[in-house]
Amino acid sequence: VAVTGSSGLVGRALCAFLSTGGHRVLRLVRRPAEAGEVRWD
């Protein structure tokens, strides 16, 4: 699952919830990407 807005209140909680369930989470971010992230502008 890719998630935009992953640094916001809802996005942070959703990413943590999905990860603990064993799902793979890909965060779309607007800063330089780190592991598990993809940059988008």
PDB file of all heavy atoms in Angstrom:
ATOM      1  N   VAL A   1       0.844  -1.198   0.000  1.00  0.00           N
ATOM      2  CA  VAL A   1       0.000   0.000   0.000  1.00  0.00           C
ATOM      3  C   VAL A   1       0.876   1.244   0.000  1.00  0.00           C
ATOM      4  O   VAL A   1       1.769   1.384   0.846  1.00  0.00           O
ATOM      5  CB  VAL A   1      -0.930   0.025   1.237  1.00  0.00           C
ATOM      6  CG1 VAL A   1      -1.864   1.229   1.170  1.00  0.00           C
ATOM      7  CG2 VAL A   1      -1.721  -1.266   1.348  1.00  0.00           C
ATOM      8  N   ALA A   2       0.638   2.150  -0.940  1.00  0.00           N
ATOM      9  CA  ALA A   2       1.284   3.462  -0.927  1.00  0.00           C
ATOM     10  C   ALA A   2       0.374   4.445  -0.211  1.00  0.00           C
ATOM     11  O   ALA A   2      -0.850   4.394  -0.361  1.00  0.00           O
ATOM     12  CB  ALA A   2       1.565   3.942  -2.347  1.00  0.00           C
ATOM     13  N   VAL A   3       0.960   5.345   0.574  1.00  0.00           N
ATOM     14  CA  VAL A   3       0.194   6.314   1.361  1.00  0.00           C
ATOM     15  C   VAL A   3       0.757   7.705   1.116  1.00  0.00           C
ATOM     16  O   VAL A   3       1.947   7.953   1.346  1.00  0.00           O
ATOM     17  CB  VAL A   3       0.235   5.988   2.868  1.00  0.00           C
ATOM     18  CG1 VAL A   3      -0.565   7.022   3.658  1.00  0.00           C
ATOM     19  CG2 VAL A   3      -0.301   4.584   3.128  1.00  0.00           C
ATOM     20  N   THR A   4      -0.086   8.625   0.627  1.00  0.00           N
ATOM     21  CA  THR A   4       0.292  10.030   0.586  1.00  0.00           C
ATOM     22  C   THR A   4      -0.183  10.698   1.873  1.00  0.00           C
ATOM     23  O   THR A   4      -1.099  10.207   2.537  1.00  0.00           O
ATOM     24  CB  THR A   4      -0.324  10.763  -0.615  1.00  0.00           C
ATOM     25  OG1 THR A   4      -1.723  10.999  -0.374  1.00  0.00           O
ATOM     26  CG2 THR A   4      -0.169   9.958  -1.895  1.00  0.00           C
ATOM     27  N   GLY A   5       0.428  11.819   2.227  1.00  0.00           N
ATOM     28  CA  GLY A   5       0.077  12.457   3.497  1.00  0.00           C
ATOM     29  C   GLY A   5       0.521  11.623   4.673  1.00  0.00           C
ATOM     30  O   GLY A   5      -0.068  11.706   5.762  1.00  0.00           O
ATOM     31  N   SER A   6       1.591  10.843   4.505  1.00  0.00           N
ATOM     32  CA  SER A   6       2.007   9.892   5.536  1.00  0.00           C
ATOM     33  C   SER A   6       2.608  10.560   6.763  1.00  0.00           C
ATOM     34  O   SER A   6       2.763   9.906   7.801  1.00  0.00           O
ATOM     35  CB  SER A   6       3.019   8.899   4.951  1.00  0.00           C
ATOM     36  OG  SER A   6       4.150   9.577   4.434  1.00  0.00           O
ATOM     37  N   SER A   7       2.957  11.838   6.672  1.00  0.00           N
ATOM     38  CA  SER A   7       3.513  12.532   7.842  1.00  0.00           C
ATOM     39  C   SER A   7       2.448  13.242   8.661  1.00  0.00           C
ATOM     40  O   SER A   7       2.734  13.804   9.711  1.00  0.00           O
ATOM     41  CB  SER A   7       4.576  13.545   7.406  1.00  0.00           C
ATOM     42  OG  SER A   7       3.999  14.541   6.578  1.00  0.00           O
ATOM     43  N   GLY A   8       1.212  13.227   8.192  1.00  0.00           N
ATOM     44  CA  GLY A   8       0.129  13.875   8.923  1.00  0.00           C
ATOM     45  C   GLY A   8      -0.416  13.005  10.033  1.00  0.00           C
ATOM     46  O   GLY A   8      -0.023  11.843  10.205  1.00  0.00           O
ATOM     47  N   LEU A   9      -1.351  13.555  10.798  1.00  0.00           N
ATOM     48  CA  LEU A   9      -1.941  12.845  11.929  1.00  0.00           C
ATOM     49  C   LEU A   9      -2.532  11.508  11.509  1.00  0.00           C
ATOM     50  O   LEU A   9      -2.245  10.464  12.119  1.00  0.00           O
ATOM     51  CB  LEU A   9      -3.027  13.720  12.574  1.00  0.00           C
ATOM     52  CG  LEU A   9      -3.826  13.092  13.707  1.00  0.00           C
ATOM     53  CD1 LEU A   9      -2.948  12.890  14.936  1.00  0.00           C
ATOM     54  CD2 LEU A   9      -5.039  13.965  14.054  1.00  0.00           C
ATOM     55  N   VAL A  10      -3.359  11.495  10.475  1.00  0.00           N
ATOM     56  CA  VAL A  10      -4.008  10.264  10.021  1.00  0.00           C
ATOM     57  C   VAL A  10      -3.004   9.358   9.335  1.00  0.00           C
ATOM     58  O   VAL A  10      -2.980   8.143   9.561  1.00  0.00           O
ATOM     59  CB  VAL A  10      -5.183  10.593   9.083  1.00  0.00           C
ATOM     60  CG1 VAL A  10      -5.854   9.307   8.602  1.00  0.00           C
ATOM     61  CG2 VAL A  10      -6.206  11.482   9.795  1.00  0.00           C
ATOM     62  N   GLY A  11      -2.143   9.937   8.488  1.00  0.00           N
ATOM     63  CA  GLY A  11      -1.183   9.130   7.748  1.00  0.00           C
ATOM     64  C   GLY A  11      -0.212   8.383   8.650  1.00  0.00           C
ATOM     65  O   GLY A  11       0.088   7.204   8.411  1.00  0.00           O
ATOM     66  N   ARG A  12       0.295   9.048   9.692  1.00  0.00           N
ATOM     67  CA  ARG A  12       1.216   8.379  10.613  1.00  0.00           C
ATOM     68  C   ARG A  12       0.545   7.188  11.287  1.00  0.00           C
ATOM     69  O   ARG A  12       1.132   6.106  11.402  1.00  0.00           O
ATOM     70  CB  ARG A  12       1.724   9.359  11.681  1.00  0.00           C
ATOM     71  CG  ARG A  12       2.628  10.439  11.164  1.00  0.00           C
ATOM     72  CD  ARG A  12       3.360  11.138  12.306  1.00  0.00           C
ATOM     73  NE  ARG A  12       2.482  11.601  13.368  1.00  0.00           N
ATOM     74  CZ  ARG A  12       1.892  12.781  13.405  1.00  0.00           C
ATOM     75  NH1 ARG A  12       2.074  13.649  12.406  1.00  0.00           N
ATOM     76  NH2 ARG A  12       1.114  13.131  14.424  1.00  0.00           N
ATOM     77  N   ALA A  13      -0.678   7.401  11.759  1.00  0.00           N
ATOM     78  CA  ALA A  13      -1.393   6.328  12.456  1.00  0.00           C
ATOM     79  C   ALA A  13      -1.715   5.180  11.505  1.00  0.00           C
ATOM     80  O   ALA A  13      -1.589   4.004  11.864  1.00  0.00           O
ATOM     81  CB  ALA A  13      -2.672   6.876  13.076  1.00  0.00           C
ATOM     82  N   LEU A  14      -2.124   5.498  10.278  1.00  0.00           N
ATOM     83  CA  LEU A  14      -2.464   4.451   9.314  1.00  0.00           C
ATOM     84  C   LEU A  14      -1.235   3.632   8.934  1.00  0.00           C
ATOM     85  O   LEU A  14      -1.301   2.399   8.875  1.00  0.00           O
ATOM     86  CB  LEU A  14      -3.092   5.070   8.068  1.00  0.00           C
ATOM     87  CG  LEU A  14      -3.437   4.074   6.956  1.00  0.00           C
ATOM     88  CD1 LEU A  14      -4.526   3.106   7.417  1.00  0.00           C
ATOM     89  CD2 LEU A  14      -3.866   4.804   5.682  1.00  0.00           C
ATOM     90  N   CYS A  15      -0.111   4.290   8.675  1.00  0.00           N
ATOM     91  CA  CYS A  15       1.105   3.564   8.295  1.00  0.00           C
ATOM     92  C   CYS A  15       1.552   2.617   9.404  1.00  0.00           C
ATOM     93  O   CYS A  15       1.935   1.466   9.140  1.00  0.00           O
ATOM     94  CB  CYS A  15       2.219   4.552   7.953  1.00  0.00           C
ATOM     95  SG  CYS A  15       1.958   5.450   6.395  1.00  0.00           S
ATOM     96  N   ALA A  16       1.507   3.077  10.649  1.00  0.00           N
ATOM     97  CA  ALA A  16       1.891   2.212  11.768  1.00  0.00           C
ATOM     98  C   ALA A  16       0.934   1.036  11.896  1.00  0.00           C
ATOM     99  O   ALA A  16       1.351  -0.110  12.112  1.00  0.00           O
ATOM    100  CB  ALA A  16       1.929   3.018  13.061  1.00  0.00           C
ATOM    101  N   PHE A  17      -0.361   1.294  11.745  1.00  0.00           N
ATOM    102  CA  PHE A  17      -1.355   0.231  11.851  1.00  0.00           C
ATOM    103  C   PHE A  17      -1.150  -0.818  10.760  1.00  0.00           C
ATOM    104  O   PHE A  17      -1.170  -2.028  11.031  1.00  0.00           O
ATOM    105  CB  PHE A  17      -2.762   0.827  11.738  1.00  0.00           C
ATOM    106  CG  PHE A  17      -3.860  -0.188  11.691  1.00  0.00           C
ATOM    107  CD1 PHE A  17      -4.383  -0.725  12.846  1.00  0.00           C
ATOM    108  CD2 PHE A  17      -4.360  -0.635  10.465  1.00  0.00           C
ATOM    109  CE1 PHE A  17      -5.389  -1.679  12.804  1.00  0.00           C
ATOM    110  CE2 PHE A  17      -5.359  -1.586  10.411  1.00  0.00           C
ATOM    111  CZ  PHE A  17      -5.876  -2.108  11.575  1.00  0.00           C
ATOM    112  N   LEU A  18      -0.956  -0.392   9.529  1.00  0.00           N
ATOM    113  CA  LEU A  18      -0.774  -1.340   8.434  1.00  0.00           C
ATOM    114  C   LEU A  18       0.509  -2.147   8.610  1.00  0.00           C
ATOM    115  O   LEU A  18       0.535  -3.355   8.349  1.00  0.00           O
ATOM    116  CB  LEU A  18      -0.748  -0.601   7.099  1.00  0.00           C
ATOM    117  CG  LEU A  18      -2.072   0.045   6.653  1.00  0.00           C
ATOM    118  CD1 LEU A  18      -1.862   0.843   5.368  1.00  0.00           C
ATOM    119  CD2 LEU A  18      -3.158  -1.004   6.468  1.00  0.00           C
ATOM    120  N   SER A  19       1.573  -1.493   9.066  1.00  0.00           N
ATOM    121  CA  SER A  19       2.850  -2.189   9.249  1.00  0.00           C
ATOM    122  C   SER A  19       2.736  -3.282  10.304  1.00  0.00           C
ATOM    123  O   SER A  19       3.261  -4.388  10.129  1.00  0.00           O
ATOM    124  CB  SER A  19       3.944  -1.199   9.637  1.00  0.00           C
ATOM    125  OG  SER A  19       4.196  -0.281   8.588  1.00  0.00           O
ATOM    126  N   THR A  20       2.056  -3.003  11.416  1.00  0.00           N
ATOM    127  CA  THR A  20       1.916  -4.030  12.456  1.00  0.00           C
ATOM    128  C   THR A  20       1.056  -5.189  11.988  1.00  0.00           C
ATOM    129  O   THR A  20       1.139  -6.293  12.542  1.00  0.00           O
ATOM    130  CB  THR A  20       1.307  -3.442  13.744  1.00  0.00           C
ATOM    131  OG1 THR A  20       0.071  -2.801  13.435  1.00  0.00           O
ATOM    132  CG2 THR A  20       2.259  -2.457  14.397  1.00  0.00           C
ATOM    133  N   GLY A  21       0.224  -4.964  10.966  1.00  0.00           N
ATOM    134  CA  GLY A  21      -0.575  -6.043  10.398  1.00  0.00           C
ATOM    135  C   GLY A  21       0.159  -6.857   9.358  1.00  0.00           C
ATOM    136  O   GLY A  21      -0.417  -7.769   8.764  1.00  0.00           O
ATOM    137  N   GLY A  22       1.434  -6.523   9.115  1.00  0.00           N
ATOM    138  CA  GLY A  22       2.223  -7.282   8.166  1.00  0.00           C
ATOM    139  C   GLY A  22       2.127  -6.803   6.739  1.00  0.00           C
ATOM    140  O   GLY A  22       2.665  -7.447   5.820  1.00  0.00           O
ATOM    141  N   HIS A  23       1.476  -5.661   6.517  1.00  0.00           N
ATOM    142  CA  HIS A  23       1.379  -5.105   5.168  1.00  0.00           C
ATOM    143  C   HIS A  23       2.639  -4.294   4.840  1.00  0.00           C
ATOM    144  O   HIS A  23       3.278  -3.719   5.732  1.00  0.00           O
ATOM    145  CB  HIS A  23       0.141  -4.220   5.042  1.00  0.00           C
ATOM    146  CG  HIS A  23      -1.133  -4.922   5.390  1.00  0.00           C
ATOM    147  ND1 HIS A  23      -1.693  -5.884   4.577  1.00  0.00           N
ATOM    148  CD2 HIS A  23      -1.954  -4.819   6.475  1.00  0.00           C
ATOM    149  CE1 HIS A  23      -2.806  -6.339   5.138  1.00  0.00           C
ATOM    150  NE2 HIS A  23      -2.981  -5.717   6.293  1.00  0.00           N
ATOM    151  N   ARG A  24       2.982  -4.227   3.563  1.00  0.00           N
ATOM    152  CA  ARG A  24       4.114  -3.415   3.116  1.00  0.00           C
ATOM    153  C   ARG A  24       3.606  -2.007   2.838  1.00  0.00           C
ATOM    154  O   ARG A  24       2.653  -1.820   2.081  1.00  0.00           O
ATOM    155  CB  ARG A  24       4.737  -4.008   1.854  1.00  0.00           C
ATOM    156  CG  ARG A  24       5.811  -3.130   1.222  1.00  0.00           C
ATOM    157  CD  ARG A  24       6.426  -3.787  -0.004  1.00  0.00           C
ATOM    158  NE  ARG A  24       7.282  -2.851  -0.718  1.00  0.00           N
ATOM    159  CZ  ARG A  24       6.917  -2.191  -1.814  1.00  0.00           C
ATOM    160  NH1 ARG A  24       5.692  -2.353  -2.308  1.00  0.00           N
ATOM    161  NH2 ARG A  24       7.760  -1.368  -2.411  1.00  0.00           N
ATOM    162  N   VAL A  25       4.251  -1.026   3.448  1.00  0.00           N
ATOM    163  CA  VAL A  25       3.815   0.364   3.315  1.00  0.00           C
ATOM    164  C   VAL A  25       4.895   1.156   2.584  1.00  0.00           C
ATOM    165  O   VAL A  25       6.074   1.109   2.948  1.00  0.00           O
ATOM    166  CB  VAL A  25       3.543   1.003   4.693  1.00  0.00           C
ATOM    167  CG1 VAL A  25       3.180   2.476   4.538  1.00  0.00           C
ATOM    168  CG2 VAL A  25       2.419   0.248   5.401  1.00  0.00           C
ATOM    169  N   LEU A  26       4.476   1.877   1.559  1.00  0.00           N
ATOM    170  CA  LEU A  26       5.354   2.762   0.807  1.00  0.00           C
ATOM    171  C   LEU A  26       4.844   4.190   1.007  1.00  0.00           C
ATOM    172  O   LEU A  26       3.714   4.506   0.626  1.00  0.00           O
ATOM    173  CB  LEU A  26       5.328   2.396  -0.675  1.00  0.00           C
ATOM    174  CG  LEU A  26       6.274   3.147  -1.601  1.00  0.00           C
ATOM    175  CD1 LEU A  26       7.729   2.783  -1.291  1.00  0.00           C
ATOM    176  CD2 LEU A  26       5.956   2.842  -3.062  1.00  0.00           C
ATOM    177  N   ARG A  27       5.656   5.031   1.624  1.00  0.00           N
ATOM    178  CA  ARG A  27       5.232   6.402   1.907  1.00  0.00           C
ATOM    179  C   ARG A  27       5.632   7.325   0.764  1.00  0.00           C
ATOM    180  O   ARG A  27       6.793   7.331   0.348  1.00  0.00           O
ATOM    181  CB  ARG A  27       5.875   6.879   3.219  1.00  0.00           C
ATOM    182  CG  ARG A  27       5.422   6.108   4.450  1.00  0.00           C
ATOM    183  CD  ARG A  27       6.321   6.396   5.646  1.00  0.00           C
ATOM    184  NE  ARG A  27       5.837   5.776   6.862  1.00  0.00           N
ATOM    185  CZ  ARG A  27       6.063   4.509   7.198  1.00  0.00           C
ATOM    186  NH1 ARG A  27       6.777   3.734   6.399  1.00  0.00           N
ATOM    187  NH2 ARG A  27       5.586   4.011   8.327  1.00  0.00           N
ATOM    188  N   LEU A  28       4.685   8.116   0.267  1.00  0.00           N
ATOM    189  CA  LEU A  28       4.979   9.143  -0.720  1.00  0.00           C
ATOM    190  C   LEU A  28       5.240  10.445   0.014  1.00  0.00           C
ATOM    191  O   LEU A  28       4.376  10.923   0.763  1.00  0.00           O
ATOM    192  CB  LEU A  28       3.816   9.307  -1.706  1.00  0.00           C
ATOM    193  CG  LEU A  28       3.872   8.402  -2.951  1.00  0.00           C
ATOM    194  CD1 LEU A  28       3.783   6.940  -2.562  1.00  0.00           C
ATOM    195  CD2 LEU A  28       2.767   8.765  -3.926  1.00  0.00           C
ATOM    196  N   VAL A  29       6.435  11.012  -0.174  1.00  0.00           N
ATOM    197  CA  VAL A  29       6.857  12.185   0.592  1.00  0.00           C
ATOM    198  C   VAL A  29       7.334  13.261  -0.369  1.00  0.00           C
ATOM    199  O   VAL A  29       7.740  12.980  -1.504  1.00  0.00           O
ATOM    200  CB  VAL A  29       7.980  11.823   1.593  1.00  0.00           C
ATOM    201  CG1 VAL A  29       7.498  10.786   2.593  1.00  0.00           C
ATOM    202  CG2 VAL A  29       9.225  11.312   0.863  1.00  0.00           C
ATOM    203  N   ARG A  30       7.334  14.508   0.098  1.00  0.00           N
ATOM    204  CA  ARG A  30       7.770  15.620  -0.745  1.00  0.00           C
ATOM    205  C   ARG A  30       9.188  16.089  -0.427  1.00  0.00           C
ATOM    206  O   ARG A  30       9.679  16.999  -1.059  1.00  0.00           O
ATOM    207  CB  ARG A  30       6.779  16.779  -0.626  1.00  0.00           C
ATOM    208  CG  ARG A  30       5.486  16.501  -1.379  1.00  0.00           C
ATOM    209  CD  ARG A  30       4.483  17.603  -1.230  1.00  0.00           C
ATOM    210  NE  ARG A  30       3.882  17.602   0.107  1.00  0.00           N
ATOM    211  CZ  ARG A  30       2.934  18.450   0.478  1.00  0.00           C
ATOM    212  NH1 ARG A  30       2.488  19.369  -0.360  1.00  0.00           N
ATOM    213  NH2 ARG A  30       2.425  18.378   1.695  1.00  0.00           N
ATOM    214  N   ARG A  31       9.829  15.452   0.547  1.00  0.00           N
ATOM    215  CA  ARG A  31      11.244  15.716   0.850  1.00  0.00           C
ATOM    216  C   ARG A  31      12.073  14.603   0.227  1.00  0.00           C
ATOM    217  O   ARG A  31      11.518  13.667  -0.364  1.00  0.00           O
ATOM    218  CB  ARG A  31      11.435  15.750   2.363  1.00  0.00           C
ATOM    219  CG  ARG A  31      10.869  14.530   3.051  1.00  0.00           C
ATOM    220  CD  ARG A  31      11.225  14.436   4.498  1.00  0.00           C
ATOM    221  NE  ARG A  31      10.504  13.359   5.154  1.00  0.00           N
ATOM    222  CZ  ARG A  31      10.745  12.063   5.002  1.00  0.00           C
ATOM    223  NH1 ARG A  31      11.710  11.663   4.176  1.00  0.00           N
ATOM    224  NH2 ARG A  31      10.039  11.145   5.642  1.00  0.00           N
ATOM    225  N   PRO A  32      13.415  14.683   0.306  1.00  0.00           N
ATOM    226  CA  PRO A  32      14.225  13.582  -0.206  1.00  0.00           C
ATOM    227  C   PRO A  32      13.833  12.250   0.430  1.00  0.00           C
ATOM    228  O   PRO A  32      13.676  12.147   1.640  1.00  0.00           O
ATOM    229  CB  PRO A  32      15.652  13.991   0.186  1.00  0.00           C
ATOM    230  CG  PRO A  32      15.605  15.485   0.219  1.00  0.00           C
ATOM    231  CD  PRO A  32      14.238  15.832   0.736  1.00  0.00           C
ATOM    232  N   ALA A  33      13.640  11.236  -0.402  1.00  0.00           N
ATOM    233  CA  ALA A  33      13.121   9.951   0.066  1.00  0.00           C
ATOM    234  C   ALA A  33      14.181   9.146   0.813  1.00  0.00           C
ATOM    235  O   ALA A  33      15.365   9.186   0.475  1.00  0.00           O
ATOM    236  CB  ALA A  33      12.601   9.139  -1.111  1.00  0.00           C
ATOM    237  N   GLU A  34      13.734   8.430   1.849  1.00  0.00           N
ATOM    238  CA  GLU A  34      14.561   7.482   2.574  1.00  0.00           C
ATOM    239  C   GLU A  34      14.049   6.075   2.292  1.00  0.00           C
ATOM    240  O   GLU A  34      13.220   5.868   1.402  1.00  0.00           O
ATOM    241  CB  GLU A  34      14.525   7.810   4.074  1.00  0.00           C
ATOM    242  CG  GLU A  34      15.030   9.211   4.404  1.00  0.00           C
ATOM    243  CD  GLU A  34      14.903   9.557   5.879  1.00  0.00           C
ATOM    244  OE1 GLU A  34      14.407   8.701   6.647  1.00  0.00           O
ATOM    245  OE2 GLU A  34      15.290  10.677   6.251  1.00  0.00           O
ATOM    246  N   ALA A  35      14.543   5.096   3.031  1.00  0.00           N
ATOM    247  CA  ALA A  35      14.100   3.714   2.835  1.00  0.00           C
ATOM    248  C   ALA A  35      12.591   3.619   3.051  1.00  0.00           C
ATOM    249  O   ALA A  35      12.050   4.181   4.003  1.00  0.00           O
ATOM    250  CB  ALA A  35      14.833   2.786   3.799  1.00  0.00           C
ATOM    251  N   GLY A  36      11.897   2.900   2.162  1.00  0.00           N
ATOM    252  CA  GLY A  36      10.455   2.734   2.272  1.00  0.00           C
ATOM    253  C   GLY A  36       9.659   3.941   1.819  1.00  0.00           C
ATOM    254  O   GLY A  36       8.462   4.026   2.103  1.00  0.00           O
ATOM    255  N   GLU A  37      10.308   4.856   1.096  1.00  0.00           N
ATOM    256  CA  GLU A  37       9.653   6.085   0.657  1.00  0.00           C
ATOM    257  C   GLU A  37       9.879   6.321  -0.828  1.00  0.00           C
ATOM    258  O   GLU A  37      10.855   5.832  -1.414  1.00  0.00           O
ATOM    259  CB  GLU A  37      10.174   7.286   1.450  1.00  0.00           C
ATOM    260  CG  GLU A  37       9.920   7.208   2.949  1.00  0.00           C
ATOM    261  CD  GLU A  37      10.521   8.389   3.702  1.00  0.00           C
ATOM    262  OE1 GLU A  37      11.387   9.094   3.139  1.00  0.00           O
ATOM    263  OE2 GLU A  37      10.131   8.586   4.867  1.00  0.00           O
ATOM    264  N   VAL A  38       8.996   7.092  -1.422  1.00  0.00           N
ATOM    265  CA  VAL A  38       9.135   7.572  -2.793  1.00  0.00           C
ATOM    266  C   VAL A  38       8.846   9.065  -2.787  1.00  0.00           C
ATOM    267  O   VAL A  38       7.852   9.508  -2.188  1.00  0.00           O
ATOM    268  CB  VAL A  38       8.151   6.848  -3.745  1.00  0.00           C
ATOM    269  CG1 VAL A  38       8.149   7.508  -5.127  1.00  0.00           C
ATOM    270  CG2 VAL A  38       8.507   5.381  -3.869  1.00  0.00           C
ATOM    271  N   ARG A  39       9.706   9.832  -3.405  1.00  0.00           N
ATOM    272  CA  ARG A  39       9.489  11.273  -3.462  1.00  0.00           C
ATOM    273  C   ARG A  39       8.506  11.600  -4.577  1.00  0.00           C
ATOM    274  O   ARG A  39       8.577  11.042  -5.671  1.00  0.00           O
ATOM    275  CB  ARG A  39      10.806  12.019  -3.691  1.00  0.00           C
ATOM    276  CG  ARG A  39      10.643  13.532  -3.605  1.00  0.00           C
ATOM    277  CD  ARG A  39      11.958  14.262  -3.799  1.00  0.00           C
ATOM    278  NE  ARG A  39      11.776  15.695  -3.649  1.00  0.00           N
ATOM    279  CZ  ARG A  39      11.362  16.511  -4.622  1.00  0.00           C
ATOM    280  NH1 ARG A  39      11.104  16.011  -5.826  1.00  0.00           N
ATOM    281  NH2 ARG A  39      11.208  17.800  -4.401  1.00  0.00           N
ATOM    282  N   TRP A  40       7.581  12.507  -4.258  1.00  0.00           N
ATOM    283  CA  TRP A  40       6.720  13.047  -5.299  1.00  0.00           C
ATOM    284  C   TRP A  40       6.537  14.537  -5.061  1.00  0.00           C
ATOM    285  O   TRP A  40       6.627  15.014  -3.929  1.00  0.00           O
ATOM    286  CB  TRP A  40       5.382  12.300  -5.354  1.00  0.00           C
ATOM    287  CG  TRP A  40       4.374  12.666  -4.283  1.00  0.00           C
ATOM    288  CD1 TRP A  40       4.596  12.827  -2.950  1.00  0.00           C
ATOM    289  CD2 TRP A  40       2.975  12.905  -4.495  1.00  0.00           C
ATOM    290  NE1 TRP A  40       3.429  13.140  -2.297  1.00  0.00           N
ATOM    291  CE2 TRP A  40       2.417  13.198  -3.218  1.00  0.00           C
ATOM    292  CE3 TRP A  40       2.143  12.884  -5.611  1.00  0.00           C
ATOM    293  CZ2 TRP A  40       1.063  13.475  -3.057  1.00  0.00           C
ATOM    294  CZ3 TRP A  40       0.790  13.160  -5.439  1.00  0.00           C
ATOM    295  CH2 TRP A  40       0.263  13.450  -4.175  1.00  0.00           C
ATOM    296  N   ASP A  41       6.332  15.270  -6.119  1.00  0.00           N
ATOM    297  CA  ASP A  41       6.099  16.709  -6.036  1.00  0.00           C
ATOM    298  C   ASP A  41       4.941  17.038  -6.962  1.00  0.00           C
ATOM    299  O   ASP A  41       5.137  17.331  -8.146  1.00  0.00           O
ATOM    300  CB  ASP A  41       7.358  17.477  -6.440  1.00  0.00           C
ATOM    301  CG  ASP A  41       7.225  18.977  -6.176  1.00  0.00           C
ATOM    302  OD1 ASP A  41       6.079  19.466  -6.063  1.00  0.00           O
ATOM    303  OD2 ASP A  41       8.268  19.655  -6.082  1.00  0.00           O
TER     304      ASP A  41
END
